[in-house]
């Protein structure tokens, strides 16, 4: 595999791993698909808007690395960013759900 796909592969591997944990322990999507989708995808779009604003203001930029695919959704906005933001929100939702479940058991 070319090194330009390492980061995307790592993100996809992490999303699949988190999905398997979710499936095994019915944490988020496998407990309530609609609520989990809303709690993951809505903040993801807010982060995308944040990124677009940062790019427009010249604060955020892609940088040079050999670990990105080079597929750009917009100037300075690589495709990997969408997967990263999904993973970020899915991880936060999963962690929050697990901590809430543990708190209810006490």
N, C-alpha and C. Protein backbone atom coordinates (compact mmCIF):
# COMPACT_ATOMS: atom_id res chain seq x y z
N UNK A 1 0.85 -1.18 0.00
CA UNK A 1 0.00 0.00 0.00
C UNK A 1 0.89 1.24 0.00
N UNK A 2 0.60 2.18 -0.88
CA UNK A 2 1.41 3.41 -0.87
C UNK A 2 1.21 4.17 0.43
N UNK A 3 2.25 4.86 0.86
CA UNK A 3 2.18 5.58 2.13
C UNK A 3 1.14 6.68 2.10
N UNK A 4 0.68 7.07 0.91
CA UNK A 4 -0.32 8.13 0.83
C UNK A 4 -1.69 7.67 1.35
N UNK A 5 -1.83 6.39 1.62
CA UNK A 5 -3.11 5.88 2.13
C UNK A 5 -3.01 5.43 3.59
N UNK A 6 -1.90 5.64 4.24
CA UNK A 6 -1.73 5.20 5.63
C UNK A 6 -2.72 5.88 6.57
N UNK A 7 -2.84 7.18 6.49
CA UNK A 7 -3.70 7.92 7.41
C UNK A 7 -5.16 7.54 7.19
N UNK A 8 -5.61 7.52 5.94
CA UNK A 8 -6.99 7.14 5.64
C UNK A 8 -7.26 5.71 6.09
N UNK A 9 -6.31 4.81 5.86
CA UNK A 9 -6.45 3.43 6.30
C UNK A 9 -6.56 3.34 7.81
N UNK A 10 -5.76 4.10 8.51
CA UNK A 10 -5.82 4.13 9.97
C UNK A 10 -7.15 4.64 10.48
N UNK A 11 -7.67 5.67 9.83
CA UNK A 11 -8.98 6.20 10.21
C UNK A 11 -10.07 5.16 9.98
N UNK A 12 -10.06 4.53 8.80
CA UNK A 12 -11.07 3.52 8.50
C UNK A 12 -10.96 2.32 9.44
N UNK A 13 -9.74 1.90 9.74
CA UNK A 13 -9.51 0.80 10.68
C UNK A 13 -10.10 1.15 12.05
N UNK A 14 -9.89 2.38 12.49
CA UNK A 14 -10.40 2.82 13.79
C UNK A 14 -11.92 2.91 13.80
N UNK A 15 -12.51 3.38 12.72
CA UNK A 15 -13.97 3.46 12.63
C UNK A 15 -14.58 2.06 12.67
N UNK A 16 -14.00 1.14 11.92
CA UNK A 16 -14.49 -0.24 11.92
C UNK A 16 -14.33 -0.86 13.32
N UNK A 17 -13.19 -0.64 13.96
CA UNK A 17 -12.97 -1.17 15.30
C UNK A 17 -13.97 -0.62 16.30
N UNK A 18 -14.23 0.67 16.22
CA UNK A 18 -15.21 1.30 17.11
C UNK A 18 -16.61 0.75 16.81
N UNK A 19 -16.90 0.54 15.54
CA UNK A 19 -18.18 -0.06 15.15
C UNK A 19 -18.34 -1.46 15.70
N UNK A 20 -17.26 -2.24 15.70
CA UNK A 20 -17.32 -3.59 16.25
C UNK A 20 -17.56 -3.56 17.76
N UNK A 21 -16.92 -2.64 18.45
CA UNK A 21 -17.18 -2.48 19.88
C UNK A 21 -18.62 -2.05 20.12
N UNK A 22 -19.10 -1.14 19.30
CA UNK A 22 -20.49 -0.68 19.40
C UNK A 22 -21.44 -1.85 19.20
N UNK A 23 -21.17 -2.68 18.20
CA UNK A 23 -22.01 -3.85 17.92
C UNK A 23 -21.97 -4.84 19.07
N UNK A 24 -20.78 -5.13 19.56
CA UNK A 24 -20.61 -6.13 20.62
C UNK A 24 -21.30 -5.73 21.92
N UNK A 25 -21.22 -4.45 22.27
CA UNK A 25 -21.75 -3.99 23.56
C UNK A 25 -22.99 -3.10 23.41
N UNK A 26 -23.55 -3.02 22.20
CA UNK A 26 -24.71 -2.18 21.89
C UNK A 26 -24.62 -0.82 22.60
N UNK A 27 -23.65 -0.04 22.14
CA UNK A 27 -23.34 1.22 22.81
C UNK A 27 -24.09 2.40 22.18
N UNK A 28 -24.00 2.58 20.88
CA UNK A 28 -24.55 3.79 20.26
C UNK A 28 -25.44 3.44 19.07
N UNK A 29 -24.85 3.22 17.90
CA UNK A 29 -25.64 2.95 16.70
C UNK A 29 -26.45 1.66 16.82
N UNK A 30 -25.94 0.70 17.54
CA UNK A 30 -26.66 -0.57 17.66
C UNK A 30 -27.68 -0.53 18.81
N UNK A 31 -27.77 0.59 19.50
CA UNK A 31 -28.79 0.80 20.53
C UNK A 31 -29.91 1.67 19.97
N UNK A 32 -29.56 2.77 19.30
CA UNK A 32 -30.54 3.69 18.74
C UNK A 32 -29.92 4.39 17.53
N UNK A 33 -30.21 3.87 16.35
CA UNK A 33 -29.57 4.37 15.12
C UNK A 33 -29.84 5.84 14.86
N UNK A 34 -31.08 6.27 15.01
CA UNK A 34 -31.43 7.66 14.70
C UNK A 34 -30.74 8.63 15.65
N UNK A 35 -30.78 8.34 16.93
CA UNK A 35 -30.16 9.24 17.91
C UNK A 35 -28.64 9.27 17.72
N UNK A 36 -28.05 8.12 17.47
CA UNK A 36 -26.60 8.06 17.28
C UNK A 36 -26.19 8.80 16.00
N UNK A 37 -26.98 8.65 14.95
CA UNK A 37 -26.67 9.36 13.70
C UNK A 37 -26.76 10.87 13.91
N UNK A 38 -27.79 11.31 14.61
CA UNK A 38 -27.92 12.75 14.88
C UNK A 38 -26.79 13.25 15.75
N UNK A 39 -26.42 12.47 16.76
CA UNK A 39 -25.36 12.89 17.70
C UNK A 39 -23.97 12.82 17.07
N UNK A 40 -23.82 12.13 15.98
CA UNK A 40 -22.53 12.01 15.31
C UNK A 40 -22.43 12.93 14.10
N UNK A 41 -23.45 12.92 13.28
CA UNK A 41 -23.37 13.62 12.00
C UNK A 41 -23.64 15.12 12.13
N UNK A 42 -24.56 15.52 12.98
CA UNK A 42 -24.81 16.97 13.13
C UNK A 42 -23.58 17.72 13.64
N UNK A 43 -22.92 17.25 14.70
CA UNK A 43 -21.69 17.95 15.11
C UNK A 43 -20.60 17.87 14.05
N UNK A 44 -20.58 16.78 13.29
CA UNK A 44 -19.58 16.64 12.23
C UNK A 44 -19.74 17.77 11.21
N UNK A 45 -20.99 18.08 10.83
CA UNK A 45 -21.22 19.17 9.90
C UNK A 45 -20.84 20.52 10.50
N UNK A 46 -21.04 20.69 11.80
CA UNK A 46 -20.61 21.93 12.46
C UNK A 46 -19.09 22.06 12.41
N UNK A 47 -18.39 20.95 12.63
CA UNK A 47 -16.93 20.97 12.54
C UNK A 47 -16.47 21.25 11.11
N UNK A 48 -17.20 20.73 10.13
CA UNK A 48 -16.86 21.02 8.73
C UNK A 48 -17.02 22.51 8.46
N UNK A 49 -18.10 23.09 8.95
CA UNK A 49 -18.29 24.54 8.79
C UNK A 49 -17.16 25.31 9.49
N UNK A 50 -16.76 24.83 10.65
CA UNK A 50 -15.64 25.42 11.39
C UNK A 50 -14.37 25.36 10.53
N UNK A 51 -14.12 24.19 9.94
CA UNK A 51 -12.94 24.02 9.08
C UNK A 51 -13.00 24.96 7.87
N UNK A 52 -14.16 25.04 7.23
CA UNK A 52 -14.31 25.90 6.06
C UNK A 52 -14.05 27.36 6.45
N UNK A 53 -14.57 27.78 7.60
CA UNK A 53 -14.32 29.15 8.06
C UNK A 53 -12.83 29.37 8.33
N UNK A 54 -12.19 28.39 8.97
CA UNK A 54 -10.75 28.49 9.25
C UNK A 54 -9.93 28.53 7.98
N UNK A 55 -10.33 27.76 6.98
CA UNK A 55 -9.63 27.77 5.70
C UNK A 55 -9.82 29.12 5.01
N UNK A 56 -11.05 29.63 5.02
CA UNK A 56 -11.35 30.91 4.38
C UNK A 56 -10.58 32.05 5.03
N UNK A 57 -10.36 31.96 6.34
CA UNK A 57 -9.62 33.01 7.06
C UNK A 57 -8.10 32.81 6.99
N UNK A 58 -7.67 31.72 6.37
CA UNK A 58 -6.24 31.46 6.25
C UNK A 58 -5.61 30.88 7.51
N UNK A 59 -6.44 30.38 8.43
CA UNK A 59 -5.94 29.81 9.68
C UNK A 59 -5.58 28.34 9.50
N UNK A 60 -6.43 27.61 8.80
CA UNK A 60 -6.21 26.18 8.57
C UNK A 60 -5.66 25.97 7.17
N UNK A 61 -4.74 25.03 7.05
CA UNK A 61 -4.23 24.66 5.73
C UNK A 61 -3.80 23.20 5.78
N UNK A 62 -3.71 22.60 4.64
CA UNK A 62 -3.45 21.17 4.53
C UNK A 62 -2.04 20.82 4.97
N UNK A 63 -1.06 21.56 4.57
CA UNK A 63 0.32 21.19 4.87
C UNK A 63 0.80 20.12 3.90
N UNK A 64 2.07 19.88 3.90
CA UNK A 64 2.65 18.89 3.00
C UNK A 64 3.02 17.63 3.77
N UNK A 65 2.48 16.52 3.33
CA UNK A 65 2.79 15.22 3.92
C UNK A 65 2.57 14.14 2.88
N UNK A 66 3.28 13.07 3.01
CA UNK A 66 3.12 11.96 2.08
C UNK A 66 2.07 10.96 2.56
N UNK A 67 1.47 11.22 3.72
CA UNK A 67 0.52 10.27 4.31
C UNK A 67 -0.93 10.53 3.91
N UNK A 68 -1.20 11.61 3.20
CA UNK A 68 -2.55 11.90 2.73
C UNK A 68 -2.69 11.46 1.28
N UNK A 69 -3.92 11.12 0.89
CA UNK A 69 -4.16 10.62 -0.46
C UNK A 69 -4.00 11.69 -1.53
N UNK A 70 -4.20 12.93 -1.16
CA UNK A 70 -4.17 14.01 -2.14
C UNK A 70 -5.55 14.31 -2.72
N UNK A 71 -6.56 13.53 -2.32
CA UNK A 71 -7.92 13.78 -2.77
C UNK A 71 -8.48 14.93 -1.95
N UNK A 72 -8.81 16.00 -2.63
CA UNK A 72 -9.29 17.20 -1.96
C UNK A 72 -10.77 17.40 -2.26
N UNK A 73 -11.55 17.66 -1.22
CA UNK A 73 -12.97 17.95 -1.40
C UNK A 73 -13.18 19.43 -1.71
N UNK A 74 -12.26 20.23 -1.27
CA UNK A 74 -12.24 21.67 -1.52
C UNK A 74 -10.78 22.10 -1.32
N UNK A 75 -10.43 23.30 -1.70
CA UNK A 75 -9.06 23.74 -1.45
C UNK A 75 -8.71 23.64 0.04
N UNK A 76 -7.60 23.02 0.34
CA UNK A 76 -7.10 22.83 1.71
C UNK A 76 -7.96 21.92 2.56
N UNK A 77 -8.88 21.16 1.95
CA UNK A 77 -9.79 20.29 2.70
C UNK A 77 -9.70 18.86 2.16
N UNK A 78 -8.79 18.05 2.73
CA UNK A 78 -8.61 16.68 2.23
C UNK A 78 -9.76 15.77 2.66
N UNK A 79 -9.98 14.73 1.90
CA UNK A 79 -11.06 13.78 2.19
C UNK A 79 -10.88 13.13 3.57
N UNK A 80 -9.65 12.99 4.01
CA UNK A 80 -9.39 12.38 5.31
C UNK A 80 -10.03 13.15 6.45
N UNK A 81 -10.22 14.45 6.25
CA UNK A 81 -10.80 15.28 7.31
C UNK A 81 -12.23 14.84 7.65
N UNK A 82 -13.00 14.42 6.66
CA UNK A 82 -14.37 13.96 6.90
C UNK A 82 -14.35 12.70 7.76
N UNK A 83 -13.47 11.77 7.44
CA UNK A 83 -13.38 10.54 8.22
C UNK A 83 -12.86 10.81 9.62
N UNK A 84 -11.91 11.73 9.74
CA UNK A 84 -11.41 12.10 11.06
C UNK A 84 -12.52 12.70 11.91
N UNK A 85 -13.30 13.60 11.34
CA UNK A 85 -14.37 14.24 12.10
C UNK A 85 -15.45 13.23 12.49
N UNK A 86 -15.74 12.28 11.60
CA UNK A 86 -16.70 11.23 11.97
C UNK A 86 -16.15 10.41 13.13
N UNK A 87 -14.89 10.01 13.05
CA UNK A 87 -14.27 9.22 14.12
C UNK A 87 -14.25 10.01 15.43
N UNK A 88 -13.94 11.28 15.37
CA UNK A 88 -13.91 12.12 16.56
C UNK A 88 -15.28 12.13 17.25
N UNK A 89 -16.32 12.36 16.48
CA UNK A 89 -17.67 12.42 17.05
C UNK A 89 -18.18 11.06 17.49
N UNK A 90 -17.90 10.02 16.73
CA UNK A 90 -18.31 8.66 17.09
C UNK A 90 -17.60 8.22 18.37
N UNK A 91 -16.33 8.55 18.50
CA UNK A 91 -15.58 8.22 19.71
C UNK A 91 -16.16 8.95 20.92
N UNK A 92 -16.46 10.23 20.75
CA UNK A 92 -17.03 11.01 21.85
C UNK A 92 -18.39 10.45 22.26
N UNK A 93 -19.22 10.12 21.29
CA UNK A 93 -20.53 9.54 21.59
C UNK A 93 -20.39 8.21 22.31
N UNK A 94 -19.49 7.37 21.85
CA UNK A 94 -19.28 6.06 22.47
C UNK A 94 -18.77 6.22 23.90
N UNK A 95 -17.80 7.07 24.09
CA UNK A 95 -17.25 7.30 25.43
C UNK A 95 -18.33 7.85 26.36
N UNK A 96 -19.08 8.84 25.91
CA UNK A 96 -20.16 9.41 26.72
C UNK A 96 -21.19 8.35 27.08
N UNK A 97 -21.57 7.52 26.10
CA UNK A 97 -22.57 6.47 26.34
C UNK A 97 -22.09 5.45 27.35
N UNK A 98 -20.84 5.05 27.26
CA UNK A 98 -20.28 4.08 28.19
C UNK A 98 -20.21 4.66 29.60
N UNK A 99 -19.74 5.90 29.72
CA UNK A 99 -19.63 6.54 31.03
C UNK A 99 -21.02 6.73 31.63
N UNK A 100 -22.00 7.10 30.82
CA UNK A 100 -23.37 7.25 31.31
C UNK A 100 -23.93 5.92 31.80
N UNK A 101 -23.65 4.86 31.05
CA UNK A 101 -24.14 3.54 31.43
C UNK A 101 -23.50 3.09 32.75
N UNK A 102 -22.22 3.34 32.91
CA UNK A 102 -21.54 2.98 34.16
C UNK A 102 -22.10 3.80 35.32
N UNK A 103 -22.36 5.08 35.08
CA UNK A 103 -22.92 5.95 36.12
C UNK A 103 -24.29 5.53 36.57
N UNK A 104 -25.11 5.02 35.66
CA UNK A 104 -26.46 4.55 36.02
C UNK A 104 -26.42 3.29 36.86
N UNK A 105 -25.38 2.48 36.70
CA UNK A 105 -25.27 1.23 37.44
C UNK A 105 -24.88 1.43 38.90
N UNK A 106 -24.32 2.59 39.22
CA UNK A 106 -23.88 2.84 40.59
C UNK A 106 -25.02 3.24 41.48
